[in-house]
Amino acid sequence: QYLYWSLGYTFKGSPVSKIKKTIPA
């Protein structure tokens, strides 16, 4: 369809274990 040129940025997330503890709280 077309050439896929892009510029991106990665936002580092929190560990999954921390997310699991935060949601119940």
PDBML (XML) file of the C-alpha atoms, coordinates in Angstrom:
<?xml version="1.0" encoding="UTF-8" ?>
<PDBx:datablock datablockName="MODEL"
   xmlns:PDBx="http://pdbml.pdb.org/schema/pdbx-v50.xsd"
   xmlns:xsi="http://www.w3.org/2001/XMLSchema-instance"
   xsi:schemaLocation="http://pdbml.pdb.org/schema/pdbx-v50.xsd pdbx-v50.xsd">
   <PDBx:atom_siteCategory>
      <PDBx:atom_site id="1">
         <PDBx:B_iso_or_equiv>0.00</PDBx:B_iso_or_equiv>
         <PDBx:Cartn_x>0.000</PDBx:Cartn_x>
         <PDBx:Cartn_y>0.000</PDBx:Cartn_y>
         <PDBx:Cartn_z>0.000</PDBx:Cartn_z>
         <PDBx:auth_asym_id>A</PDBx:auth_asym_id>
         <PDBx:auth_atom_id>CA</PDBx:auth_atom_id>
         <PDBx:auth_comp_id>GLN</PDBx:auth_comp_id>
         <PDBx:auth_seq_id>1</PDBx:auth_seq_id>
         <PDBx:group_PDB>ATOM</PDBx:group_PDB>
         <PDBx:label_alt_id xsi:nil="true" />
         <PDBx:label_asym_id>A</PDBx:label_asym_id>
         <PDBx:label_atom_id>CA</PDBx:label_atom_id>
         <PDBx:label_comp_id>GLN</PDBx:label_comp_id>
         <PDBx:label_entity_id>1</PDBx:label_entity_id>
         <PDBx:label_seq_id>1</PDBx:label_seq_id>
         <PDBx:occupancy>1.00</PDBx:occupancy>
         <PDBx:pdbx_PDB_model_num>1</PDBx:pdbx_PDB_model_num>
         <PDBx:type_symbol>C</PDBx:type_symbol>
      </PDBx:atom_site>
      <PDBx:atom_site id="2">
         <PDBx:B_iso_or_equiv>0.00</PDBx:B_iso_or_equiv>
         <PDBx:Cartn_x>2.820</PDBx:Cartn_x>
         <PDBx:Cartn_y>2.392</PDBx:Cartn_y>
         <PDBx:Cartn_z>0.898</PDBx:Cartn_z>
         <PDBx:auth_asym_id>A</PDBx:auth_asym_id>
         <PDBx:auth_atom_id>CA</PDBx:auth_atom_id>
         <PDBx:auth_comp_id>TYR</PDBx:auth_comp_id>
         <PDBx:auth_seq_id>2</PDBx:auth_seq_id>
         <PDBx:group_PDB>ATOM</PDBx:group_PDB>
         <PDBx:label_alt_id xsi:nil="true" />
         <PDBx:label_asym_id>A</PDBx:label_asym_id>
         <PDBx:label_atom_id>CA</PDBx:label_atom_id>
         <PDBx:label_comp_id>TYR</PDBx:label_comp_id>
         <PDBx:label_entity_id>1</PDBx:label_entity_id>
         <PDBx:label_seq_id>2</PDBx:label_seq_id>
         <PDBx:occupancy>1.00</PDBx:occupancy>
         <PDBx:pdbx_PDB_model_num>1</PDBx:pdbx_PDB_model_num>
         <PDBx:type_symbol>C</PDBx:type_symbol>
      </PDBx:atom_site>
      <PDBx:atom_site id="3">
         <PDBx:B_iso_or_equiv>0.00</PDBx:B_iso_or_equiv>
         <PDBx:Cartn_x>6.275</PDBx:Cartn_x>
         <PDBx:Cartn_y>2.634</PDBx:Cartn_y>
         <PDBx:Cartn_z>2.465</PDBx:Cartn_z>
         <PDBx:auth_asym_id>A</PDBx:auth_asym_id>
         <PDBx:auth_atom_id>CA</PDBx:auth_atom_id>
         <PDBx:auth_comp_id>LEU</PDBx:auth_comp_id>
         <PDBx:auth_seq_id>3</PDBx:auth_seq_id>
         <PDBx:group_PDB>ATOM</PDBx:group_PDB>
         <PDBx:label_alt_id xsi:nil="true" />
         <PDBx:label_asym_id>A</PDBx:label_asym_id>
         <PDBx:label_atom_id>CA</PDBx:label_atom_id>
         <PDBx:label_comp_id>LEU</PDBx:label_comp_id>
         <PDBx:label_entity_id>1</PDBx:label_entity_id>
         <PDBx:label_seq_id>3</PDBx:label_seq_id>
         <PDBx:occupancy>1.00</PDBx:occupancy>
         <PDBx:pdbx_PDB_model_num>1</PDBx:pdbx_PDB_model_num>
         <PDBx:type_symbol>C</PDBx:type_symbol>
      </PDBx:atom_site>
      <PDBx:atom_site id="4">
         <PDBx:B_iso_or_equiv>0.00</PDBx:B_iso_or_equiv>
         <PDBx:Cartn_x>5.993</PDBx:Cartn_x>
         <PDBx:Cartn_y>2.706</PDBx:Cartn_y>
         <PDBx:Cartn_z>6.247</PDBx:Cartn_z>
         <PDBx:auth_asym_id>A</PDBx:auth_asym_id>
         <PDBx:auth_atom_id>CA</PDBx:auth_atom_id>
         <PDBx:auth_comp_id>TYR</PDBx:auth_comp_id>
         <PDBx:auth_seq_id>4</PDBx:auth_seq_id>
         <PDBx:group_PDB>ATOM</PDBx:group_PDB>
         <PDBx:label_alt_id xsi:nil="true" />
         <PDBx:label_asym_id>A</PDBx:label_asym_id>
         <PDBx:label_atom_id>CA</PDBx:label_atom_id>
         <PDBx:label_comp_id>TYR</PDBx:label_comp_id>
         <PDBx:label_entity_id>1</PDBx:label_entity_id>
         <PDBx:label_seq_id>4</PDBx:label_seq_id>
         <PDBx:occupancy>1.00</PDBx:occupancy>
         <PDBx:pdbx_PDB_model_num>1</PDBx:pdbx_PDB_model_num>
         <PDBx:type_symbol>C</PDBx:type_symbol>
      </PDBx:atom_site>
      <PDBx:atom_site id="5">
         <PDBx:B_iso_or_equiv>0.00</PDBx:B_iso_or_equiv>
         <PDBx:Cartn_x>8.179</PDBx:Cartn_x>
         <PDBx:Cartn_y>5.561</PDBx:Cartn_y>
         <PDBx:Cartn_z>7.513</PDBx:Cartn_z>
         <PDBx:auth_asym_id>A</PDBx:auth_asym_id>
         <PDBx:auth_atom_id>CA</PDBx:auth_atom_id>
         <PDBx:auth_comp_id>TRP</PDBx:auth_comp_id>
         <PDBx:auth_seq_id>5</PDBx:auth_seq_id>
         <PDBx:group_PDB>ATOM</PDBx:group_PDB>
         <PDBx:label_alt_id xsi:nil="true" />
         <PDBx:label_asym_id>A</PDBx:label_asym_id>
         <PDBx:label_atom_id>CA</PDBx:label_atom_id>
         <PDBx:label_comp_id>TRP</PDBx:label_comp_id>
         <PDBx:label_entity_id>1</PDBx:label_entity_id>
         <PDBx:label_seq_id>5</PDBx:label_seq_id>
         <PDBx:occupancy>1.00</PDBx:occupancy>
         <PDBx:pdbx_PDB_model_num>1</PDBx:pdbx_PDB_model_num>
         <PDBx:type_symbol>C</PDBx:type_symbol>
      </PDBx:atom_site>
      <PDBx:atom_site id="6">
         <PDBx:B_iso_or_equiv>0.00</PDBx:B_iso_or_equiv>
         <PDBx:Cartn_x>7.608</PDBx:Cartn_x>
         <PDBx:Cartn_y>6.655</PDBx:Cartn_y>
         <PDBx:Cartn_z>11.095</PDBx:Cartn_z>
         <PDBx:auth_asym_id>A</PDBx:auth_asym_id>
         <PDBx:auth_atom_id>CA</PDBx:auth_atom_id>
         <PDBx:auth_comp_id>SER</PDBx:auth_comp_id>
         <PDBx:auth_seq_id>6</PDBx:auth_seq_id>
         <PDBx:group_PDB>ATOM</PDBx:group_PDB>
         <PDBx:label_alt_id xsi:nil="true" />
         <PDBx:label_asym_id>A</PDBx:label_asym_id>
         <PDBx:label_atom_id>CA</PDBx:label_atom_id>
         <PDBx:label_comp_id>SER</PDBx:label_comp_id>
         <PDBx:label_entity_id>1</PDBx:label_entity_id>
         <PDBx:label_seq_id>6</PDBx:label_seq_id>
         <PDBx:occupancy>1.00</PDBx:occupancy>
         <PDBx:pdbx_PDB_model_num>1</PDBx:pdbx_PDB_model_num>
         <PDBx:type_symbol>C</PDBx:type_symbol>
      </PDBx:atom_site>
      <PDBx:atom_site id="7">
         <PDBx:B_iso_or_equiv>0.00</PDBx:B_iso_or_equiv>
         <PDBx:Cartn_x>9.168</PDBx:Cartn_x>
         <PDBx:Cartn_y>8.362</PDBx:Cartn_y>
         <PDBx:Cartn_z>14.079</PDBx:Cartn_z>
         <PDBx:auth_asym_id>A</PDBx:auth_asym_id>
         <PDBx:auth_atom_id>CA</PDBx:auth_atom_id>
         <PDBx:auth_comp_id>LEU</PDBx:auth_comp_id>
         <PDBx:auth_seq_id>7</PDBx:auth_seq_id>
         <PDBx:group_PDB>ATOM</PDBx:group_PDB>
         <PDBx:label_alt_id xsi:nil="true" />
         <PDBx:label_asym_id>A</PDBx:label_asym_id>
         <PDBx:label_atom_id>CA</PDBx:label_atom_id>
         <PDBx:label_comp_id>LEU</PDBx:label_comp_id>
         <PDBx:label_entity_id>1</PDBx:label_entity_id>
         <PDBx:label_seq_id>7</PDBx:label_seq_id>
         <PDBx:occupancy>1.00</PDBx:occupancy>
         <PDBx:pdbx_PDB_model_num>1</PDBx:pdbx_PDB_model_num>
         <PDBx:type_symbol>C</PDBx:type_symbol>
      </PDBx:atom_site>
      <PDBx:atom_site id="8">
         <PDBx:B_iso_or_equiv>0.00</PDBx:B_iso_or_equiv>
         <PDBx:Cartn_x>8.213</PDBx:Cartn_x>
         <PDBx:Cartn_y>7.064</PDBx:Cartn_y>
         <PDBx:Cartn_z>17.510</PDBx:Cartn_z>
         <PDBx:auth_asym_id>A</PDBx:auth_asym_id>
         <PDBx:auth_atom_id>CA</PDBx:auth_atom_id>
         <PDBx:auth_comp_id>GLY</PDBx:auth_comp_id>
         <PDBx:auth_seq_id>8</PDBx:auth_seq_id>
         <PDBx:group_PDB>ATOM</PDBx:group_PDB>
         <PDBx:label_alt_id xsi:nil="true" />
         <PDBx:label_asym_id>A</PDBx:label_asym_id>
         <PDBx:label_atom_id>CA</PDBx:label_atom_id>
         <PDBx:label_comp_id>GLY</PDBx:label_comp_id>
         <PDBx:label_entity_id>1</PDBx:label_entity_id>
         <PDBx:label_seq_id>8</PDBx:label_seq_id>
         <PDBx:occupancy>1.00</PDBx:occupancy>
         <PDBx:pdbx_PDB_model_num>1</PDBx:pdbx_PDB_model_num>
         <PDBx:type_symbol>C</PDBx:type_symbol>
      </PDBx:atom_site>
      <PDBx:atom_site id="9">
         <PDBx:B_iso_or_equiv>0.00</PDBx:B_iso_or_equiv>
         <PDBx:Cartn_x>8.759</PDBx:Cartn_x>
         <PDBx:Cartn_y>7.287</PDBx:Cartn_y>
         <PDBx:Cartn_z>21.229</PDBx:Cartn_z>
         <PDBx:auth_asym_id>A</PDBx:auth_asym_id>
         <PDBx:auth_atom_id>CA</PDBx:auth_atom_id>
         <PDBx:auth_comp_id>TYR</PDBx:auth_comp_id>
         <PDBx:auth_seq_id>9</PDBx:auth_seq_id>
         <PDBx:group_PDB>ATOM</PDBx:group_PDB>
         <PDBx:label_alt_id xsi:nil="true" />
         <PDBx:label_asym_id>A</PDBx:label_asym_id>
         <PDBx:label_atom_id>CA</PDBx:label_atom_id>
         <PDBx:label_comp_id>TYR</PDBx:label_comp_id>
         <PDBx:label_entity_id>1</PDBx:label_entity_id>
         <PDBx:label_seq_id>9</PDBx:label_seq_id>
         <PDBx:occupancy>1.00</PDBx:occupancy>
         <PDBx:pdbx_PDB_model_num>1</PDBx:pdbx_PDB_model_num>
         <PDBx:type_symbol>C</PDBx:type_symbol>
      </PDBx:atom_site>
      <PDBx:atom_site id="10">
         <PDBx:B_iso_or_equiv>0.00</PDBx:B_iso_or_equiv>
         <PDBx:Cartn_x>8.510</PDBx:Cartn_x>
         <PDBx:Cartn_y>4.583</PDBx:Cartn_y>
         <PDBx:Cartn_z>23.890</PDBx:Cartn_z>
         <PDBx:auth_asym_id>A</PDBx:auth_asym_id>
         <PDBx:auth_atom_id>CA</PDBx:auth_atom_id>
         <PDBx:auth_comp_id>THR</PDBx:auth_comp_id>
         <PDBx:auth_seq_id>10</PDBx:auth_seq_id>
         <PDBx:group_PDB>ATOM</PDBx:group_PDB>
         <PDBx:label_alt_id xsi:nil="true" />
         <PDBx:label_asym_id>A</PDBx:label_asym_id>
         <PDBx:label_atom_id>CA</PDBx:label_atom_id>
         <PDBx:label_comp_id>THR</PDBx:label_comp_id>
         <PDBx:label_entity_id>1</PDBx:label_entity_id>
         <PDBx:label_seq_id>10</PDBx:label_seq_id>
         <PDBx:occupancy>1.00</PDBx:occupancy>
         <PDBx:pdbx_PDB_model_num>1</PDBx:pdbx_PDB_model_num>
         <PDBx:type_symbol>C</PDBx:type_symbol>
      </PDBx:atom_site>
      <PDBx:atom_site id="11">
         <PDBx:B_iso_or_equiv>0.00</PDBx:B_iso_or_equiv>
         <PDBx:Cartn_x>6.990</PDBx:Cartn_x>
         <PDBx:Cartn_y>5.506</PDBx:Cartn_y>
         <PDBx:Cartn_z>27.239</PDBx:Cartn_z>
         <PDBx:auth_asym_id>A</PDBx:auth_asym_id>
         <PDBx:auth_atom_id>CA</PDBx:auth_atom_id>
         <PDBx:auth_comp_id>PHE</PDBx:auth_comp_id>
         <PDBx:auth_seq_id>11</PDBx:auth_seq_id>
         <PDBx:group_PDB>ATOM</PDBx:group_PDB>
         <PDBx:label_alt_id xsi:nil="true" />
         <PDBx:label_asym_id>A</PDBx:label_asym_id>
         <PDBx:label_atom_id>CA</PDBx:label_atom_id>
         <PDBx:label_comp_id>PHE</PDBx:label_comp_id>
         <PDBx:label_entity_id>1</PDBx:label_entity_id>
         <PDBx:label_seq_id>11</PDBx:label_seq_id>
         <PDBx:occupancy>1.00</PDBx:occupancy>
         <PDBx:pdbx_PDB_model_num>1</PDBx:pdbx_PDB_model_num>
         <PDBx:type_symbol>C</PDBx:type_symbol>
      </PDBx:atom_site>
      <PDBx:atom_site id="12">
         <PDBx:B_iso_or_equiv>0.00</PDBx:B_iso_or_equiv>
         <PDBx:Cartn_x>8.392</PDBx:Cartn_x>
         <PDBx:Cartn_y>3.063</PDBx:Cartn_y>
         <PDBx:Cartn_z>29.774</PDBx:Cartn_z>
         <PDBx:auth_asym_id>A</PDBx:auth_asym_id>
         <PDBx:auth_atom_id>CA</PDBx:auth_atom_id>
         <PDBx:auth_comp_id>LYS</PDBx:auth_comp_id>
         <PDBx:auth_seq_id>12</PDBx:auth_seq_id>
         <PDBx:group_PDB>ATOM</PDBx:group_PDB>
         <PDBx:label_alt_id xsi:nil="true" />
         <PDBx:label_asym_id>A</PDBx:label_asym_id>
         <PDBx:label_atom_id>CA</PDBx:label_atom_id>
         <PDBx:label_comp_id>LYS</PDBx:label_comp_id>
         <PDBx:label_entity_id>1</PDBx:label_entity_id>
         <PDBx:label_seq_id>12</PDBx:label_seq_id>
         <PDBx:occupancy>1.00</PDBx:occupancy>
         <PDBx:pdbx_PDB_model_num>1</PDBx:pdbx_PDB_model_num>
         <PDBx:type_symbol>C</PDBx:type_symbol>
      </PDBx:atom_site>
      <PDBx:atom_site id="13">
         <PDBx:B_iso_or_equiv>0.00</PDBx:B_iso_or_equiv>
         <PDBx:Cartn_x>5.679</PDBx:Cartn_x>
         <PDBx:Cartn_y>1.457</PDBx:Cartn_y>
         <PDBx:Cartn_z>31.874</PDBx:Cartn_z>
         <PDBx:auth_asym_id>A</PDBx:auth_asym_id>
         <PDBx:auth_atom_id>CA</PDBx:auth_atom_id>
         <PDBx:auth_comp_id>GLY</PDBx:auth_comp_id>
         <PDBx:auth_seq_id>13</PDBx:auth_seq_id>
         <PDBx:group_PDB>ATOM</PDBx:group_PDB>
         <PDBx:label_alt_id xsi:nil="true" />
         <PDBx:label_asym_id>A</PDBx:label_asym_id>
         <PDBx:label_atom_id>CA</PDBx:label_atom_id>
         <PDBx:label_comp_id>GLY</PDBx:label_comp_id>
         <PDBx:label_entity_id>1</PDBx:label_entity_id>
         <PDBx:label_seq_id>13</PDBx:label_seq_id>
         <PDBx:occupancy>1.00</PDBx:occupancy>
         <PDBx:pdbx_PDB_model_num>1</PDBx:pdbx_PDB_model_num>
         <PDBx:type_symbol>C</PDBx:type_symbol>
      </PDBx:atom_site>
      <PDBx:atom_site id="14">
         <PDBx:B_iso_or_equiv>0.00</PDBx:B_iso_or_equiv>
         <PDBx:Cartn_x>5.576</PDBx:Cartn_x>
         <PDBx:Cartn_y>0.142</PDBx:Cartn_y>
         <PDBx:Cartn_z>35.408</PDBx:Cartn_z>
         <PDBx:auth_asym_id>A</PDBx:auth_asym_id>
         <PDBx:auth_atom_id>CA</PDBx:auth_atom_id>
         <PDBx:auth_comp_id>SER</PDBx:auth_comp_id>
         <PDBx:auth_seq_id>14</PDBx:auth_seq_id>
         <PDBx:group_PDB>ATOM</PDBx:group_PDB>
         <PDBx:label_alt_id xsi:nil="true" />
         <PDBx:label_asym_id>A</PDBx:label_asym_id>
         <PDBx:label_atom_id>CA</PDBx:label_atom_id>
         <PDBx:label_comp_id>SER</PDBx:label_comp_id>
         <PDBx:label_entity_id>1</PDBx:label_entity_id>
         <PDBx:label_seq_id>14</PDBx:label_seq_id>
         <PDBx:occupancy>1.00</PDBx:occupancy>
         <PDBx:pdbx_PDB_model_num>1</PDBx:pdbx_PDB_model_num>
         <PDBx:type_symbol>C</PDBx:type_symbol>
      </PDBx:atom_site>
      <PDBx:atom_site id="15">
         <PDBx:B_iso_or_equiv>0.00</PDBx:B_iso_or_equiv>
         <PDBx:Cartn_x>6.236</PDBx:Cartn_x>
         <PDBx:Cartn_y>-3.533</PDBx:Cartn_y>
         <PDBx:Cartn_z>36.196</PDBx:Cartn_z>
         <PDBx:auth_asym_id>A</PDBx:auth_asym_id>
         <PDBx:auth_atom_id>CA</PDBx:auth_atom_id>
         <PDBx:auth_comp_id>PRO</PDBx:auth_comp_id>
         <PDBx:auth_seq_id>15</PDBx:auth_seq_id>
         <PDBx:group_PDB>ATOM</PDBx:group_PDB>
         <PDBx:label_alt_id xsi:nil="true" />
         <PDBx:label_asym_id>A</PDBx:label_asym_id>
         <PDBx:label_atom_id>CA</PDBx:label_atom_id>
         <PDBx:label_comp_id>PRO</PDBx:label_comp_id>
         <PDBx:label_entity_id>1</PDBx:label_entity_id>
         <PDBx:label_seq_id>15</PDBx:label_seq_id>
         <PDBx:occupancy>1.00</PDBx:occupancy>
         <PDBx:pdbx_PDB_model_num>1</PDBx:pdbx_PDB_model_num>
         <PDBx:type_symbol>C</PDBx:type_symbol>
      </PDBx:atom_site>
      <PDBx:atom_site id="16">
         <PDBx:B_iso_or_equiv>0.00</PDBx:B_iso_or_equiv>
         <PDBx:Cartn_x>3.151</PDBx:Cartn_x>
         <PDBx:Cartn_y>-5.733</PDBx:Cartn_y>
         <PDBx:Cartn_z>35.896</PDBx:Cartn_z>
         <PDBx:auth_asym_id>A</PDBx:auth_asym_id>
         <PDBx:auth_atom_id>CA</PDBx:auth_atom_id>
         <PDBx:auth_comp_id>VAL</PDBx:auth_comp_id>
         <PDBx:auth_seq_id>16</PDBx:auth_seq_id>
         <PDBx:group_PDB>ATOM</PDBx:group_PDB>
         <PDBx:label_alt_id xsi:nil="true" />
         <PDBx:label_asym_id>A</PDBx:label_asym_id>
         <PDBx:label_atom_id>CA</PDBx:label_atom_id>
         <PDBx:label_comp_id>VAL</PDBx:label_comp_id>
         <PDBx:label_entity_id>1</PDBx:label_entity_id>
         <PDBx:label_seq_id>16</PDBx:label_seq_id>
         <PDBx:occupancy>1.00</PDBx:occupancy>
         <PDBx:pdbx_PDB_model_num>1</PDBx:pdbx_PDB_model_num>
         <PDBx:type_symbol>C</PDBx:type_symbol>
      </PDBx:atom_site>
      <PDBx:atom_site id="17">
         <PDBx:B_iso_or_equiv>0.00</PDBx:B_iso_or_equiv>
         <PDBx:Cartn_x>3.500</PDBx:Cartn_x>
         <PDBx:Cartn_y>-6.803</PDBx:Cartn_y>
         <PDBx:Cartn_z>39.559</PDBx:Cartn_z>
         <PDBx:auth_asym_id>A</PDBx:auth_asym_id>
         <PDBx:auth_atom_id>CA</PDBx:auth_atom_id>
         <PDBx:auth_comp_id>SER</PDBx:auth_comp_id>
         <PDBx:auth_seq_id>17</PDBx:auth_seq_id>
         <PDBx:group_PDB>ATOM</PDBx:group_PDB>
         <PDBx:label_alt_id xsi:nil="true" />
         <PDBx:label_asym_id>A</PDBx:label_asym_id>
         <PDBx:label_atom_id>CA</PDBx:label_atom_id>
         <PDBx:label_comp_id>SER</PDBx:label_comp_id>
         <PDBx:label_entity_id>1</PDBx:label_entity_id>
         <PDBx:label_seq_id>17</PDBx:label_seq_id>
         <PDBx:occupancy>1.00</PDBx:occupancy>
         <PDBx:pdbx_PDB_model_num>1</PDBx:pdbx_PDB_model_num>
         <PDBx:type_symbol>C</PDBx:type_symbol>
      </PDBx:atom_site>
      <PDBx:atom_site id="18">
         <PDBx:B_iso_or_equiv>0.00</PDBx:B_iso_or_equiv>
         <PDBx:Cartn_x>3.269</PDBx:Cartn_x>
         <PDBx:Cartn_y>-3.175</PDBx:Cartn_y>
         <PDBx:Cartn_z>40.673</PDBx:Cartn_z>
         <PDBx:auth_asym_id>A</PDBx:auth_asym_id>
         <PDBx:auth_atom_id>CA</PDBx:auth_atom_id>
         <PDBx:auth_comp_id>LYS</PDBx:auth_comp_id>
         <PDBx:auth_seq_id>18</PDBx:auth_seq_id>
         <PDBx:group_PDB>ATOM</PDBx:group_PDB>
         <PDBx:label_alt_id xsi:nil="true" />
         <PDBx:label_asym_id>A</PDBx:label_asym_id>
         <PDBx:label_atom_id>CA</PDBx:label_atom_id>
         <PDBx:label_comp_id>LYS</PDBx:label_comp_id>
         <PDBx:label_entity_id>1</PDBx:label_entity_id>
         <PDBx:label_seq_id>18</PDBx:label_seq_id>
         <PDBx:occupancy>1.00</PDBx:occupancy>
         <PDBx:pdbx_PDB_model_num>1</PDBx:pdbx_PDB_model_num>
         <PDBx:type_symbol>C</PDBx:type_symbol>
      </PDBx:atom_site>
      <PDBx:atom_site id="19">
         <PDBx:B_iso_or_equiv>0.00</PDBx:B_iso_or_equiv>
         <PDBx:Cartn_x>0.166</PDBx:Cartn_x>
         <PDBx:Cartn_y>-2.614</PDBx:Cartn_y>
         <PDBx:Cartn_z>38.532</PDBx:Cartn_z>
         <PDBx:auth_asym_id>A</PDBx:auth_asym_id>
         <PDBx:auth_atom_id>CA</PDBx:auth_atom_id>
         <PDBx:auth_comp_id>ILE</PDBx:auth_comp_id>
         <PDBx:auth_seq_id>19</PDBx:auth_seq_id>
         <PDBx:group_PDB>ATOM</PDBx:group_PDB>
         <PDBx:label_alt_id xsi:nil="true" />
         <PDBx:label_asym_id>A</PDBx:label_asym_id>
         <PDBx:label_atom_id>CA</PDBx:label_atom_id>
         <PDBx:label_comp_id>ILE</PDBx:label_comp_id>
         <PDBx:label_entity_id>1</PDBx:label_entity_id>
         <PDBx:label_seq_id>19</PDBx:label_seq_id>
         <PDBx:occupancy>1.00</PDBx:occupancy>
         <PDBx:pdbx_PDB_model_num>1</PDBx:pdbx_PDB_model_num>
         <PDBx:type_symbol>C</PDBx:type_symbol>
      </PDBx:atom_site>
      <PDBx:atom_site id="20">
         <PDBx:B_iso_or_equiv>0.00</PDBx:B_iso_or_equiv>
         <PDBx:Cartn_x>-1.513</PDBx:Cartn_x>
         <PDBx:Cartn_y>-5.688</PDBx:Cartn_y>
         <PDBx:Cartn_z>40.059</PDBx:Cartn_z>
         <PDBx:auth_asym_id>A</PDBx:auth_asym_id>
         <PDBx:auth_atom_id>CA</PDBx:auth_atom_id>
         <PDBx:auth_comp_id>LYS</PDBx:auth_comp_id>
         <PDBx:auth_seq_id>20</PDBx:auth_seq_id>
         <PDBx:group_PDB>ATOM</PDBx:group_PDB>
         <PDBx:label_alt_id xsi:nil="true" />
         <PDBx:label_asym_id>A</PDBx:label_asym_id>
         <PDBx:label_atom_id>CA</PDBx:label_atom_id>
         <PDBx:label_comp_id>LYS</PDBx:label_comp_id>
         <PDBx:label_entity_id>1</PDBx:label_entity_id>
         <PDBx:label_seq_id>20</PDBx:label_seq_id>
         <PDBx:occupancy>1.00</PDBx:occupancy>
         <PDBx:pdbx_PDB_model_num>1</PDBx:pdbx_PDB_model_num>
         <PDBx:type_symbol>C</PDBx:type_symbol>
      </PDBx:atom_site>
      <PDBx:atom_site id="21">
         <PDBx:B_iso_or_equiv>0.00</PDBx:B_iso_or_equiv>
         <PDBx:Cartn_x>-0.870</PDBx:Cartn_x>
         <PDBx:Cartn_y>-4.326</PDBx:Cartn_y>
         <PDBx:Cartn_z>43.557</PDBx:Cartn_z>
         <PDBx:auth_asym_id>A</PDBx:auth_asym_id>
         <PDBx:auth_atom_id>CA</PDBx:auth_atom_id>
         <PDBx:auth_comp_id>LYS</PDBx:auth_comp_id>
         <PDBx:auth_seq_id>21</PDBx:auth_seq_id>
         <PDBx:group_PDB>ATOM</PDBx:group_PDB>
         <PDBx:label_alt_id xsi:nil="true" />
         <PDBx:label_asym_id>A</PDBx:label_asym_id>
         <PDBx:label_atom_id>CA</PDBx:label_atom_id>
         <PDBx:label_comp_id>LYS</PDBx:label_comp_id>
         <PDBx:label_entity_id>1</PDBx:label_entity_id>
         <PDBx:label_seq_id>21</PDBx:label_seq_id>
         <PDBx:occupancy>1.00</PDBx:occupancy>
         <PDBx:pdbx_PDB_model_num>1</PDBx:pdbx_PDB_model_num>
         <PDBx:type_symbol>C</PDBx:type_symbol>
      </PDBx:atom_site>
      <PDBx:atom_site id="22">
         <PDBx:B_iso_or_equiv>0.00</PDBx:B_iso_or_equiv>
         <PDBx:Cartn_x>-2.029</PDBx:Cartn_x>
         <PDBx:Cartn_y>-0.811</PDBx:Cartn_y>
         <PDBx:Cartn_z>42.674</PDBx:Cartn_z>
         <PDBx:auth_asym_id>A</PDBx:auth_asym_id>
         <PDBx:auth_atom_id>CA</PDBx:auth_atom_id>
         <PDBx:auth_comp_id>THR</PDBx:auth_comp_id>
         <PDBx:auth_seq_id>22</PDBx:auth_seq_id>
         <PDBx:group_PDB>ATOM</PDBx:group_PDB>
         <PDBx:label_alt_id xsi:nil="true" />
         <PDBx:label_asym_id>A</PDBx:label_asym_id>
         <PDBx:label_atom_id>CA</PDBx:label_atom_id>
         <PDBx:label_comp_id>THR</PDBx:label_comp_id>
         <PDBx:label_entity_id>1</PDBx:label_entity_id>
         <PDBx:label_seq_id>22</PDBx:label_seq_id>
         <PDBx:occupancy>1.00</PDBx:occupancy>
         <PDBx:pdbx_PDB_model_num>1</PDBx:pdbx_PDB_model_num>
         <PDBx:type_symbol>C</PDBx:type_symbol>
      </PDBx:atom_site>
      <PDBx:atom_site id="23">
         <PDBx:B_iso_or_equiv>0.00</PDBx:B_iso_or_equiv>
         <PDBx:Cartn_x>-5.393</PDBx:Cartn_x>
         <PDBx:Cartn_y>-1.736</PDBx:Cartn_y>
         <PDBx:Cartn_z>41.135</PDBx:Cartn_z>
         <PDBx:auth_asym_id>A</PDBx:auth_asym_id>
         <PDBx:auth_atom_id>CA</PDBx:auth_atom_id>
         <PDBx:auth_comp_id>ILE</PDBx:auth_comp_id>
         <PDBx:auth_seq_id>23</PDBx:auth_seq_id>
         <PDBx:group_PDB>ATOM</PDBx:group_PDB>
         <PDBx:label_alt_id xsi:nil="true" />
         <PDBx:label_asym_id>A</PDBx:label_asym_id>
         <PDBx:label_atom_id>CA</PDBx:label_atom_id>
         <PDBx:label_comp_id>ILE</PDBx:label_comp_id>
         <PDBx:label_entity_id>1</PDBx:label_entity_id>
         <PDBx:label_seq_id>23</PDBx:label_seq_id>
         <PDBx:occupancy>1.00</PDBx:occupancy>
         <PDBx:pdbx_PDB_model_num>1</PDBx:pdbx_PDB_model_num>
         <PDBx:type_symbol>C</PDBx:type_symbol>
      </PDBx:atom_site>
      <PDBx:atom_site id="24">
         <PDBx:B_iso_or_equiv>0.00</PDBx:B_iso_or_equiv>
         <PDBx:Cartn_x>-6.843</PDBx:Cartn_x>
         <PDBx:Cartn_y>-3.484</PDBx:Cartn_y>
         <PDBx:Cartn_z>44.259</PDBx:Cartn_z>
         <PDBx:auth_asym_id>A</PDBx:auth_asym_id>
         <PDBx:auth_atom_id>CA</PDBx:auth_atom_id>
         <PDBx:auth_comp_id>PRO</PDBx:auth_comp_id>
         <PDBx:auth_seq_id>24</PDBx:auth_seq_id>
         <PDBx:group_PDB>ATOM</PDBx:group_PDB>
         <PDBx:label_alt_id xsi:nil="true" />
         <PDBx:label_asym_id>A</PDBx:label_asym_id>
         <PDBx:label_atom_id>CA</PDBx:label_atom_id>
         <PDBx:label_comp_id>PRO</PDBx:label_comp_id>
         <PDBx:label_entity_id>1</PDBx:label_entity_id>
         <PDBx:label_seq_id>24</PDBx:label_seq_id>
         <PDBx:occupancy>1.00</PDBx:occupancy>
         <PDBx:pdbx_PDB_model_num>1</PDBx:pdbx_PDB_model_num>
         <PDBx:type_symbol>C</PDBx:type_symbol>
      </PDBx:atom_site>
      <PDBx:atom_site id="25">
         <PDBx:B_iso_or_equiv>0.00</PDBx:B_iso_or_equiv>
         <PDBx:Cartn_x>-5.623</PDBx:Cartn_x>
         <PDBx:Cartn_y>-0.569</PDBx:Cartn_y>
         <PDBx:Cartn_z>46.401</PDBx:Cartn_z>
         <PDBx:auth_asym_id>A</PDBx:auth_asym_id>
         <PDBx:auth_atom_id>CA</PDBx:auth_atom_id>
         <PDBx:auth_comp_id>ALA</PDBx:auth_comp_id>
         <PDBx:auth_seq_id>25</PDBx:auth_seq_id>
         <PDBx:group_PDB>ATOM</PDBx:group_PDB>
         <PDBx:label_alt_id xsi:nil="true" />
         <PDBx:label_asym_id>A</PDBx:label_asym_id>
         <PDBx:label_atom_id>CA</PDBx:label_atom_id>
         <PDBx:label_comp_id>ALA</PDBx:label_comp_id>
         <PDBx:label_entity_id>1</PDBx:label_entity_id>
         <PDBx:label_seq_id>25</PDBx:label_seq_id>
         <PDBx:occupancy>1.00</PDBx:occupancy>
         <PDBx:pdbx_PDB_model_num>1</PDBx:pdbx_PDB_model_num>
         <PDBx:type_symbol>C</PDBx:type_symbol>
      </PDBx:atom_site>
   </PDBx:atom_siteCategory>
</PDBx:datablock>
